[in-house]
N, C-alpha and C. Protein backbone atom coordinates (compact mmCIF):
# COMPACT_ATOMS: atom_id res chain seq x y z
N MET A 1 25.33 -39.99 404.83
CA MET A 1 26.67 -39.71 405.33
C MET A 1 26.88 -40.46 406.65
N VAL A 2 28.03 -41.05 406.80
CA VAL A 2 28.37 -41.79 408.00
C VAL A 2 28.68 -40.81 409.13
N ARG A 3 28.24 -41.11 410.35
CA ARG A 3 28.34 -40.17 411.46
C ARG A 3 29.19 -40.61 412.62
N ASN A 4 29.96 -41.66 412.53
CA ASN A 4 30.81 -42.09 413.61
C ASN A 4 32.03 -41.17 413.65
N GLU A 5 31.95 -40.16 414.55
CA GLU A 5 32.99 -39.12 414.59
C GLU A 5 34.36 -39.68 415.02
N ALA A 6 34.36 -40.65 415.92
CA ALA A 6 35.65 -41.21 416.35
C ALA A 6 36.33 -41.90 415.17
N ARG A 7 35.58 -42.63 414.39
CA ARG A 7 36.16 -43.31 413.22
C ARG A 7 36.58 -42.28 412.19
N ARG A 8 35.75 -41.28 411.99
CA ARG A 8 36.06 -40.20 411.02
C ARG A 8 37.39 -39.52 411.38
N ASN A 9 37.56 -39.22 412.67
CA ASN A 9 38.80 -38.57 413.09
C ASN A 9 39.98 -39.52 412.97
N ALA A 10 39.77 -40.80 413.24
CA ALA A 10 40.86 -41.76 413.05
C ALA A 10 41.27 -41.87 411.59
N LEU A 11 40.31 -41.79 410.68
CA LEU A 11 40.62 -41.79 409.25
C LEU A 11 41.34 -40.52 408.84
N LEU A 12 40.92 -39.41 409.40
CA LEU A 12 41.60 -38.16 409.08
C LEU A 12 43.01 -38.15 409.63
N ASP A 13 43.20 -38.68 410.83
CA ASP A 13 44.55 -38.78 411.39
C ASP A 13 45.44 -39.70 410.55
N ALA A 14 44.83 -40.77 410.07
CA ALA A 14 45.57 -41.66 409.15
C ALA A 14 45.93 -40.94 407.86
N ALA A 15 45.01 -40.14 407.35
CA ALA A 15 45.28 -39.38 406.12
C ALA A 15 46.41 -38.38 406.34
N ILE A 16 46.45 -37.76 407.52
CA ILE A 16 47.55 -36.84 407.86
C ILE A 16 48.88 -37.59 407.82
N ASP A 17 48.90 -38.78 408.40
CA ASP A 17 50.14 -39.57 408.41
C ASP A 17 50.55 -39.96 406.99
N VAL A 18 49.57 -40.36 406.19
CA VAL A 18 49.87 -40.75 404.81
C VAL A 18 50.42 -39.56 404.06
N LEU A 19 49.79 -38.39 404.18
CA LEU A 19 50.28 -37.20 403.49
C LEU A 19 51.73 -36.86 403.92
N ALA A 20 51.98 -36.95 405.23
CA ALA A 20 53.30 -36.62 405.75
C ALA A 20 54.35 -37.61 405.27
N GLU A 21 53.97 -38.87 405.15
CA GLU A 21 54.93 -39.91 404.75
C GLU A 21 55.05 -40.10 403.24
N GLU A 22 53.95 -39.99 402.53
CA GLU A 22 53.93 -40.36 401.11
C GLU A 22 53.67 -39.19 400.18
N GLY A 23 53.20 -38.05 400.70
CA GLY A 23 52.85 -36.93 399.87
C GLY A 23 51.45 -37.08 399.31
N ALA A 24 51.00 -36.08 398.58
CA ALA A 24 49.64 -36.06 398.07
C ALA A 24 49.37 -37.19 397.09
N ARG A 25 50.37 -37.59 396.32
CA ARG A 25 50.14 -38.69 395.36
C ARG A 25 49.90 -40.01 396.06
N GLY A 26 50.42 -40.15 397.27
CA GLY A 26 50.19 -41.40 398.02
C GLY A 26 48.90 -41.43 398.81
N LEU A 27 48.19 -40.31 398.79
CA LEU A 27 46.95 -40.24 399.56
C LEU A 27 45.81 -40.89 398.77
N THR A 28 45.59 -42.15 399.08
CA THR A 28 44.50 -42.90 398.46
C THR A 28 43.61 -43.45 399.57
N TYR A 29 42.38 -43.79 399.20
CA TYR A 29 41.50 -44.39 400.17
C TYR A 29 42.11 -45.69 400.74
N ARG A 30 42.71 -46.46 399.85
CA ARG A 30 43.33 -47.72 400.26
C ARG A 30 44.44 -47.47 401.28
N ALA A 31 45.28 -46.45 401.02
CA ALA A 31 46.37 -46.16 401.93
C ALA A 31 45.84 -45.68 403.30
N ILE A 32 44.79 -44.90 403.28
CA ILE A 32 44.18 -44.39 404.52
C ILE A 32 43.60 -45.57 405.31
N ASP A 33 42.85 -46.42 404.61
CA ASP A 33 42.27 -47.60 405.29
C ASP A 33 43.37 -48.46 405.94
N ALA A 34 44.45 -48.69 405.19
CA ALA A 34 45.54 -49.51 405.71
C ALA A 34 46.19 -48.84 406.94
N LYS A 35 46.45 -47.53 406.83
CA LYS A 35 47.09 -46.81 407.95
C LYS A 35 46.17 -46.82 409.17
N ALA A 36 44.87 -46.68 408.96
CA ALA A 36 43.91 -46.65 410.07
C ALA A 36 43.60 -48.06 410.60
N GLY A 37 43.99 -49.07 409.86
CA GLY A 37 43.69 -50.44 410.28
C GLY A 37 42.21 -50.78 410.22
N VAL A 38 41.54 -50.25 409.19
CA VAL A 38 40.11 -50.53 409.02
C VAL A 38 39.88 -51.30 407.72
N PRO A 39 38.70 -51.91 407.54
CA PRO A 39 38.45 -52.65 406.34
C PRO A 39 38.54 -51.77 405.08
N ALA A 40 38.95 -52.36 404.00
CA ALA A 40 39.01 -51.64 402.72
C ALA A 40 37.67 -51.07 402.36
N GLY A 41 37.66 -49.86 401.89
CA GLY A 41 36.42 -49.19 401.54
C GLY A 41 35.86 -48.30 402.61
N THR A 42 36.42 -48.32 403.77
CA THR A 42 35.89 -47.51 404.89
C THR A 42 36.03 -46.02 404.62
N ALA A 43 37.22 -45.60 404.20
CA ALA A 43 37.45 -44.16 403.98
C ALA A 43 36.51 -43.60 402.91
N SER A 44 36.30 -44.39 401.87
CA SER A 44 35.40 -43.91 400.79
C SER A 44 33.96 -43.75 401.28
N ASN A 45 33.58 -44.42 402.35
CA ASN A 45 32.25 -44.27 402.93
C ASN A 45 32.13 -42.94 403.70
N TYR A 46 33.26 -42.40 404.13
CA TYR A 46 33.26 -41.18 404.94
C TYR A 46 33.52 -39.92 404.11
N PHE A 47 34.25 -40.06 403.02
CA PHE A 47 34.64 -38.89 402.22
C PHE A 47 34.26 -39.16 400.76
N ALA A 48 33.34 -38.36 400.26
CA ALA A 48 32.74 -38.58 398.96
C ALA A 48 33.75 -38.38 397.82
N SER A 49 34.71 -37.49 398.02
CA SER A 49 35.67 -37.19 396.97
C SER A 49 37.02 -36.87 397.58
N ARG A 50 38.01 -36.84 396.73
CA ARG A 50 39.37 -36.50 397.17
C ARG A 50 39.42 -35.06 397.68
N GLU A 51 38.69 -34.16 397.02
CA GLU A 51 38.64 -32.76 397.48
C GLU A 51 37.98 -32.66 398.85
N ASP A 52 36.93 -33.39 399.08
CA ASP A 52 36.26 -33.41 400.37
C ASP A 52 37.22 -33.93 401.44
N LEU A 53 37.92 -34.99 401.14
CA LEU A 53 38.90 -35.57 402.07
C LEU A 53 39.97 -34.53 402.42
N MET A 54 40.53 -33.90 401.40
CA MET A 54 41.63 -32.96 401.65
C MET A 54 41.15 -31.73 402.44
N SER A 55 39.97 -31.26 402.16
CA SER A 55 39.41 -30.14 402.93
C SER A 55 39.21 -30.51 404.39
N GLU A 56 38.71 -31.74 404.62
CA GLU A 56 38.51 -32.23 405.97
C GLU A 56 39.86 -32.42 406.70
N VAL A 57 40.88 -32.86 405.95
CA VAL A 57 42.21 -32.99 406.57
C VAL A 57 42.71 -31.64 407.04
N ALA A 58 42.52 -30.61 406.26
CA ALA A 58 42.97 -29.27 406.66
C ALA A 58 42.30 -28.84 407.95
N ILE A 59 41.03 -29.11 408.08
CA ILE A 59 40.31 -28.75 409.31
C ILE A 59 40.82 -29.58 410.48
N ARG A 60 41.08 -30.88 410.24
CA ARG A 60 41.61 -31.74 411.32
C ARG A 60 43.00 -31.30 411.75
N VAL A 61 43.84 -30.90 410.81
CA VAL A 61 45.17 -30.40 411.18
C VAL A 61 45.04 -29.18 412.10
N THR A 62 44.16 -28.27 411.74
CA THR A 62 43.94 -27.08 412.56
C THR A 62 43.51 -27.49 413.98
N GLN A 63 42.60 -28.47 414.05
CA GLN A 63 42.16 -28.93 415.38
C GLN A 63 43.34 -29.50 416.18
N ARG A 64 44.14 -30.31 415.51
CA ARG A 64 45.25 -30.95 416.21
C ARG A 64 46.31 -29.95 416.69
N LEU A 65 46.49 -28.87 415.97
CA LEU A 65 47.54 -27.91 416.31
C LEU A 65 47.03 -26.76 417.20
N THR A 66 45.75 -26.69 417.41
CA THR A 66 45.20 -25.63 418.28
C THR A 66 45.50 -25.96 419.73
N PRO A 67 46.04 -25.00 420.46
CA PRO A 67 46.34 -25.27 421.88
C PRO A 67 45.03 -25.48 422.68
N SER A 68 45.18 -26.21 423.77
CA SER A 68 44.02 -26.45 424.61
C SER A 68 43.54 -25.18 425.31
N GLU A 69 42.30 -25.16 425.67
CA GLU A 69 41.76 -23.99 426.37
C GLU A 69 42.49 -23.80 427.72
N GLU A 70 42.89 -24.89 428.36
CA GLU A 70 43.61 -24.80 429.61
C GLU A 70 44.97 -24.14 429.40
N SER A 71 45.64 -24.51 428.36
CA SER A 71 46.94 -23.95 428.04
C SER A 71 46.84 -22.45 427.78
N ILE A 72 45.82 -22.09 427.01
CA ILE A 72 45.61 -20.64 426.72
C ILE A 72 45.31 -19.88 428.00
N ALA A 73 44.41 -20.41 428.82
CA ALA A 73 44.06 -19.74 430.08
C ALA A 73 45.28 -19.59 431.00
N GLU A 74 46.09 -20.63 431.05
CA GLU A 74 47.32 -20.55 431.86
C GLU A 74 48.23 -19.46 431.36
N SER A 75 48.37 -19.36 430.05
CA SER A 75 49.23 -18.32 429.50
C SER A 75 48.67 -16.93 429.73
N LEU A 76 47.35 -16.80 429.59
CA LEU A 76 46.73 -15.49 429.74
C LEU A 76 46.69 -15.01 431.19
N ALA A 77 47.04 -15.88 432.11
CA ALA A 77 47.19 -15.47 433.52
C ALA A 77 48.48 -14.70 433.75
N LEU A 78 49.39 -14.78 432.76
CA LEU A 78 50.67 -14.04 432.85
C LEU A 78 50.44 -12.61 432.39
N PRO A 79 51.43 -11.74 432.71
CA PRO A 79 51.31 -10.35 432.22
C PRO A 79 51.24 -10.34 430.68
N ARG A 80 50.36 -9.49 430.17
CA ARG A 80 50.14 -9.45 428.73
C ARG A 80 51.05 -8.43 428.08
N ASP A 81 52.30 -8.89 427.95
CA ASP A 81 53.32 -8.04 427.38
C ASP A 81 54.11 -8.79 426.30
N ARG A 82 55.18 -8.20 425.85
CA ARG A 82 56.02 -8.80 424.81
C ARG A 82 56.47 -10.19 425.17
N SER A 83 56.79 -10.42 426.43
CA SER A 83 57.30 -11.74 426.85
C SER A 83 56.22 -12.81 426.68
N LEU A 84 54.96 -12.45 426.84
CA LEU A 84 53.88 -13.42 426.62
C LEU A 84 53.76 -13.75 425.13
N THR A 85 53.93 -12.76 424.29
CA THR A 85 53.94 -13.04 422.86
C THR A 85 55.09 -13.96 422.50
N VAL A 86 56.26 -13.75 423.07
CA VAL A 86 57.40 -14.63 422.85
C VAL A 86 57.04 -16.05 423.31
N LYS A 87 56.40 -16.16 424.45
CA LYS A 87 55.99 -17.49 424.96
C LYS A 87 55.02 -18.16 423.97
N PHE A 88 54.07 -17.41 423.47
CA PHE A 88 53.13 -17.98 422.49
C PHE A 88 53.84 -18.48 421.26
N MET A 89 54.87 -17.77 420.80
CA MET A 89 55.63 -18.20 419.60
C MET A 89 56.39 -19.47 419.90
N HIS A 90 56.99 -19.55 421.09
CA HIS A 90 57.69 -20.79 421.47
C HIS A 90 56.69 -21.95 421.59
N ASP A 91 55.50 -21.68 422.08
CA ASP A 91 54.50 -22.74 422.15
C ASP A 91 54.10 -23.26 420.78
N ILE A 92 54.06 -22.38 419.78
CA ILE A 92 53.77 -22.80 418.40
C ILE A 92 54.83 -23.78 417.90
N VAL A 93 56.08 -23.43 418.15
CA VAL A 93 57.20 -24.30 417.73
C VAL A 93 57.12 -25.64 418.47
N LYS A 94 56.80 -25.61 419.74
CA LYS A 94 56.71 -26.88 420.49
C LYS A 94 55.60 -27.76 419.92
N ARG A 95 54.44 -27.17 419.56
CA ARG A 95 53.36 -27.96 418.98
C ARG A 95 53.79 -28.50 417.64
N ALA A 96 54.51 -27.72 416.84
CA ALA A 96 54.98 -28.19 415.54
C ALA A 96 55.96 -29.32 415.69
N ASP A 97 56.86 -29.21 416.66
CA ASP A 97 57.82 -30.29 416.90
C ASP A 97 57.12 -31.55 417.40
N ALA A 98 56.06 -31.39 418.16
CA ALA A 98 55.34 -32.53 418.71
C ALA A 98 54.45 -33.22 417.68
N ASP A 99 54.01 -32.46 416.67
CA ASP A 99 53.11 -33.02 415.66
C ASP A 99 53.61 -32.64 414.27
N LYS A 100 54.79 -33.11 413.95
CA LYS A 100 55.39 -32.79 412.65
C LYS A 100 54.53 -33.26 411.50
N ALA A 101 53.86 -34.37 411.68
CA ALA A 101 53.03 -34.94 410.61
C ALA A 101 51.95 -33.94 410.19
N SER A 102 51.36 -33.22 411.11
CA SER A 102 50.31 -32.25 410.75
C SER A 102 50.87 -31.14 409.89
N TYR A 103 52.04 -30.62 410.26
CA TYR A 103 52.64 -29.55 409.45
C TYR A 103 53.08 -30.07 408.07
N LEU A 104 53.68 -31.24 408.02
CA LEU A 104 54.05 -31.79 406.72
C LEU A 104 52.86 -32.09 405.85
N ALA A 105 51.78 -32.58 406.43
CA ALA A 105 50.56 -32.81 405.67
C ALA A 105 50.01 -31.50 405.14
N MET A 106 50.06 -30.46 405.95
CA MET A 106 49.56 -29.19 405.49
C MET A 106 50.40 -28.63 404.35
N MET A 107 51.69 -28.88 404.41
CA MET A 107 52.54 -28.43 403.29
C MET A 107 52.12 -29.17 402.00
N GLU A 108 51.85 -30.46 402.12
CA GLU A 108 51.42 -31.21 400.94
C GLU A 108 50.06 -30.67 400.43
N LEU A 109 49.15 -30.36 401.33
CA LEU A 109 47.87 -29.81 400.91
C LEU A 109 48.02 -28.46 400.22
N ARG A 110 48.89 -27.64 400.73
CA ARG A 110 49.11 -26.33 400.12
C ARG A 110 49.68 -26.47 398.72
N LEU A 111 50.61 -27.39 398.55
CA LEU A 111 51.14 -27.63 397.21
C LEU A 111 50.06 -28.16 396.30
N GLU A 112 49.25 -29.07 396.79
CA GLU A 112 48.17 -29.63 395.98
C GLU A 112 47.14 -28.56 395.64
N ALA A 113 46.96 -27.57 396.50
CA ALA A 113 46.00 -26.50 396.25
C ALA A 113 46.41 -25.64 395.05
N THR A 114 47.68 -25.64 394.73
CA THR A 114 48.11 -24.89 393.53
C THR A 114 47.57 -25.51 392.26
N ARG A 115 47.17 -26.77 392.30
CA ARG A 115 46.68 -27.48 391.15
C ARG A 115 45.17 -27.78 391.21
N ARG A 116 44.58 -27.55 392.36
CA ARG A 116 43.15 -27.86 392.55
C ARG A 116 42.41 -26.65 393.09
N PRO A 117 41.68 -25.93 392.22
CA PRO A 117 40.99 -24.72 392.66
C PRO A 117 40.01 -24.94 393.83
N GLU A 118 39.33 -26.08 393.85
CA GLU A 118 38.39 -26.35 394.93
C GLU A 118 39.12 -26.46 396.27
N LEU A 119 40.24 -27.12 396.24
CA LEU A 119 41.06 -27.26 397.46
C LEU A 119 41.60 -25.89 397.87
N ARG A 120 42.05 -25.12 396.91
CA ARG A 120 42.57 -23.77 397.21
C ARG A 120 41.47 -22.98 397.89
N THR A 121 40.26 -23.05 397.41
CA THR A 121 39.14 -22.32 398.03
C THR A 121 38.93 -22.78 399.45
N ALA A 122 38.89 -24.09 399.67
CA ALA A 122 38.69 -24.63 401.01
C ALA A 122 39.81 -24.26 401.96
N LEU A 123 41.07 -24.36 401.49
CA LEU A 123 42.19 -24.00 402.36
C LEU A 123 42.20 -22.50 402.67
N THR A 124 41.89 -21.74 401.65
CA THR A 124 41.84 -20.29 401.86
C THR A 124 40.82 -19.95 402.94
N LYS A 125 39.67 -20.57 402.87
CA LYS A 125 38.62 -20.35 403.90
C LYS A 125 39.12 -20.76 405.26
N THR A 126 39.72 -21.94 405.37
CA THR A 126 40.20 -22.43 406.67
C THR A 126 41.30 -21.53 407.25
N PHE A 127 42.28 -21.17 406.42
CA PHE A 127 43.40 -20.41 406.93
C PHE A 127 43.10 -18.92 407.12
N ALA A 128 42.21 -18.38 406.30
CA ALA A 128 41.76 -17.01 406.51
C ALA A 128 41.02 -16.92 407.85
N ALA A 129 40.17 -17.90 408.12
CA ALA A 129 39.47 -17.92 409.40
C ALA A 129 40.45 -18.05 410.58
N ASN A 130 41.46 -18.88 410.39
CA ASN A 130 42.46 -19.06 411.44
C ASN A 130 43.23 -17.76 411.68
N LEU A 131 43.62 -17.08 410.63
CA LEU A 131 44.32 -15.82 410.78
C LEU A 131 43.42 -14.76 411.40
N ASP A 132 42.17 -14.69 410.96
CA ASP A 132 41.21 -13.76 411.58
C ASP A 132 41.02 -14.04 413.06
N PHE A 133 40.95 -15.32 413.40
CA PHE A 133 40.84 -15.69 414.82
C PHE A 133 42.03 -15.19 415.60
N ASN A 134 43.26 -15.39 415.07
CA ASN A 134 44.45 -14.96 415.77
C ASN A 134 44.51 -13.43 415.94
N ILE A 135 44.06 -12.73 414.92
CA ILE A 135 44.04 -11.25 415.01
C ILE A 135 43.06 -10.80 416.09
N ALA A 136 41.85 -11.42 416.09
CA ALA A 136 40.84 -11.08 417.07
C ALA A 136 41.29 -11.48 418.48
N PHE A 137 41.89 -12.66 418.61
CA PHE A 137 42.39 -13.14 419.90
C PHE A 137 43.43 -12.16 420.45
N ASN A 138 44.34 -11.70 419.64
CA ASN A 138 45.37 -10.76 420.08
C ASN A 138 44.73 -9.48 420.61
N ALA A 139 43.76 -8.99 419.87
CA ALA A 139 43.11 -7.71 420.26
C ALA A 139 42.27 -7.93 421.55
N GLU A 140 41.45 -8.97 421.55
CA GLU A 140 40.57 -9.22 422.68
C GLU A 140 41.32 -9.56 423.95
N SER A 141 42.48 -10.18 423.79
CA SER A 141 43.30 -10.55 424.96
C SER A 141 44.19 -9.40 425.39
N GLU A 142 44.11 -8.30 424.67
CA GLU A 142 44.92 -7.11 424.96
C GLU A 142 46.42 -7.42 424.99
N LEU A 143 46.81 -8.23 423.99
CA LEU A 143 48.24 -8.52 423.81
C LEU A 143 48.85 -7.38 422.97
N PRO A 144 50.15 -7.18 423.11
CA PRO A 144 50.76 -6.10 422.35
C PRO A 144 50.74 -6.40 420.85
N GLY A 145 50.73 -5.38 420.04
CA GLY A 145 50.78 -5.53 418.59
C GLY A 145 49.42 -5.36 417.97
N ASP A 146 49.45 -4.81 416.76
CA ASP A 146 48.20 -4.61 416.03
C ASP A 146 48.01 -5.75 415.01
N ARG A 147 47.06 -5.55 414.17
CA ARG A 147 46.68 -6.55 413.16
C ARG A 147 47.92 -6.94 412.33
N MET A 148 48.67 -5.95 411.84
CA MET A 148 49.80 -6.26 410.99
C MET A 148 50.88 -7.01 411.77
N ALA A 149 51.04 -6.74 413.04
CA ALA A 149 52.02 -7.48 413.86
C ALA A 149 51.64 -8.95 413.89
N VAL A 150 50.36 -9.25 414.06
CA VAL A 150 49.92 -10.66 414.07
C VAL A 150 50.17 -11.30 412.70
N ILE A 151 49.93 -10.60 411.65
CA ILE A 151 50.16 -11.12 410.31
C ILE A 151 51.66 -11.39 410.12
N LEU A 152 52.50 -10.47 410.52
CA LEU A 152 53.95 -10.66 410.42
C LEU A 152 54.42 -11.89 411.22
N LEU A 153 53.89 -12.04 412.43
CA LEU A 153 54.24 -13.17 413.26
C LEU A 153 53.75 -14.49 412.61
N TYR A 154 52.54 -14.44 412.07
CA TYR A 154 51.98 -15.63 411.42
C TYR A 154 52.86 -16.10 410.27
N PHE A 155 53.17 -15.19 409.37
CA PHE A 155 53.97 -15.58 408.21
C PHE A 155 55.43 -15.89 408.60
N GLY A 156 55.97 -15.16 409.54
CA GLY A 156 57.34 -15.44 409.99
C GLY A 156 57.46 -16.79 410.64
N MET A 157 56.52 -17.13 411.49
CA MET A 157 56.57 -18.41 412.20
C MET A 157 56.23 -19.57 411.24
N THR A 158 55.31 -19.37 410.34
CA THR A 158 54.98 -20.42 409.37
C THR A 158 56.21 -20.77 408.54
N GLY A 159 56.88 -19.78 408.02
CA GLY A 159 58.06 -20.01 407.22
C GLY A 159 59.19 -20.66 408.02
N PHE A 160 59.40 -20.22 409.25
CA PHE A 160 60.47 -20.77 410.05
C PHE A 160 60.18 -22.23 410.41
N ILE A 161 58.94 -22.53 410.76
CA ILE A 161 58.59 -23.90 411.12
C ILE A 161 58.75 -24.81 409.90
N TYR A 162 58.29 -24.39 408.76
CA TYR A 162 58.48 -25.24 407.55
C TYR A 162 59.96 -25.47 407.26
N GLU A 163 60.77 -24.45 407.47
CA GLU A 163 62.21 -24.62 407.27
C GLU A 163 62.76 -25.64 408.25
N ARG A 164 62.35 -25.53 409.52
CA ARG A 164 62.81 -26.50 410.54
C ARG A 164 62.42 -27.93 410.19
N LEU A 165 61.26 -28.10 409.61
CA LEU A 165 60.79 -29.43 409.28
C LEU A 165 61.39 -30.01 408.01
N THR A 166 61.64 -29.16 407.03
CA THR A 166 62.10 -29.66 405.74
C THR A 166 63.61 -29.56 405.58
N LEU A 167 64.21 -28.52 406.05
CA LEU A 167 65.67 -28.31 405.95
C LEU A 167 66.21 -27.89 407.32
N PRO A 168 66.20 -28.80 408.28
CA PRO A 168 66.58 -28.43 409.65
C PRO A 168 67.99 -27.87 409.76
N ASP A 169 68.90 -28.29 408.90
CA ASP A 169 70.26 -27.76 408.99
C ASP A 169 70.30 -26.28 408.62
N VAL A 170 69.46 -25.84 407.72
CA VAL A 170 69.37 -24.42 407.37
C VAL A 170 68.77 -23.65 408.55
N ALA A 171 67.67 -24.16 409.09
CA ALA A 171 67.07 -23.50 410.23
C ALA A 171 67.99 -23.44 411.45
N ALA A 172 68.82 -24.47 411.61
CA ALA A 172 69.73 -24.52 412.75
C ALA A 172 70.81 -23.46 412.66
N MET A 173 70.93 -22.83 411.51
CA MET A 173 71.92 -21.75 411.37
C MET A 173 71.48 -20.52 412.16
N THR A 174 70.23 -20.50 412.60
CA THR A 174 69.67 -19.39 413.38
C THR A 174 69.22 -19.95 414.72
N ASP A 175 69.64 -19.28 415.78
CA ASP A 175 69.22 -19.67 417.11
C ASP A 175 67.72 -19.41 417.28
N LEU A 176 66.98 -20.44 417.70
CA LEU A 176 65.52 -20.31 417.80
C LEU A 176 65.12 -19.20 418.75
N ASP A 177 65.73 -19.14 419.93
CA ASP A 177 65.37 -18.10 420.89
C ASP A 177 65.63 -16.70 420.33
N GLU A 178 66.77 -16.53 419.71
CA GLU A 178 67.11 -15.24 419.12
C GLU A 178 66.12 -14.89 418.01
N PHE A 179 65.83 -15.87 417.15
CA PHE A 179 64.90 -15.61 416.03
C PHE A 179 63.56 -15.13 416.57
N ILE A 180 62.99 -15.84 417.57
CA ILE A 180 61.69 -15.46 418.10
C ILE A 180 61.76 -14.08 418.75
N GLU A 181 62.79 -13.85 419.54
CA GLU A 181 62.93 -12.54 420.19
C GLU A 181 62.93 -11.40 419.16
N VAL A 182 63.76 -11.55 418.14
CA VAL A 182 63.89 -10.50 417.12
C VAL A 182 62.60 -10.37 416.31
N LEU A 183 61.99 -11.52 415.95
CA LEU A 183 60.74 -11.45 415.20
C LEU A 183 59.66 -10.72 416.00
N VAL A 184 59.50 -11.08 417.23
CA VAL A 184 58.46 -10.44 418.08
C VAL A 184 58.80 -8.97 418.25
N THR A 185 60.02 -8.65 418.56
CA THR A 185 60.42 -7.24 418.78
C THR A 185 60.13 -6.41 417.52
N ARG A 186 60.50 -6.95 416.36
CA ARG A 186 60.31 -6.18 415.12
C ARG A 186 58.85 -6.10 414.74
N ALA A 187 58.07 -7.12 415.09
CA ALA A 187 56.64 -7.10 414.72
C ALA A 187 55.84 -6.20 415.62
N ILE A 188 56.13 -6.21 416.95
CA ILE A 188 55.31 -5.39 417.87
C ILE A 188 56.03 -4.19 418.43
N GLY A 189 57.30 -4.07 418.14
CA GLY A 189 58.03 -2.89 418.61
C GLY A 189 58.61 -3.04 420.00
């Protein structure tokens, strides 16, 4: 197995761009190599199969969308109340707007997972771990809301972000600030 992590990440980033631009059908080793600007055959040296590649892309998307430790520490210095939860939800939208390709790639992977059991298993593992992390983070950080509140926020924000990315005119029918305020209030009380 090839171990150049910088090149591996560059290939994964290229795969994210290809997925966002071309969809899952356009995700080929050749397209990844071209997008990454590397010699033909490079991607196939790093990823043994299409399933392996897609699973690794899901992990890379999670890495790209995870806030920095500094950002989290800065936020946790604020009072741990409903307004901090609102801030965290706005931060999620800002990261989605800043890295639309990652969200679009993830949408493509989720659709592909409906046809590929191995990918479904890998994505389920990745996203279940992410959701478990968020539930634990909320509790350990003593933020308001219980487990179900975090789950409601997770699914509410995921759906809203996907709507903003795919059908922005529909999402624009709802004021973002109002949506987040109401979602947080209804989720945590």
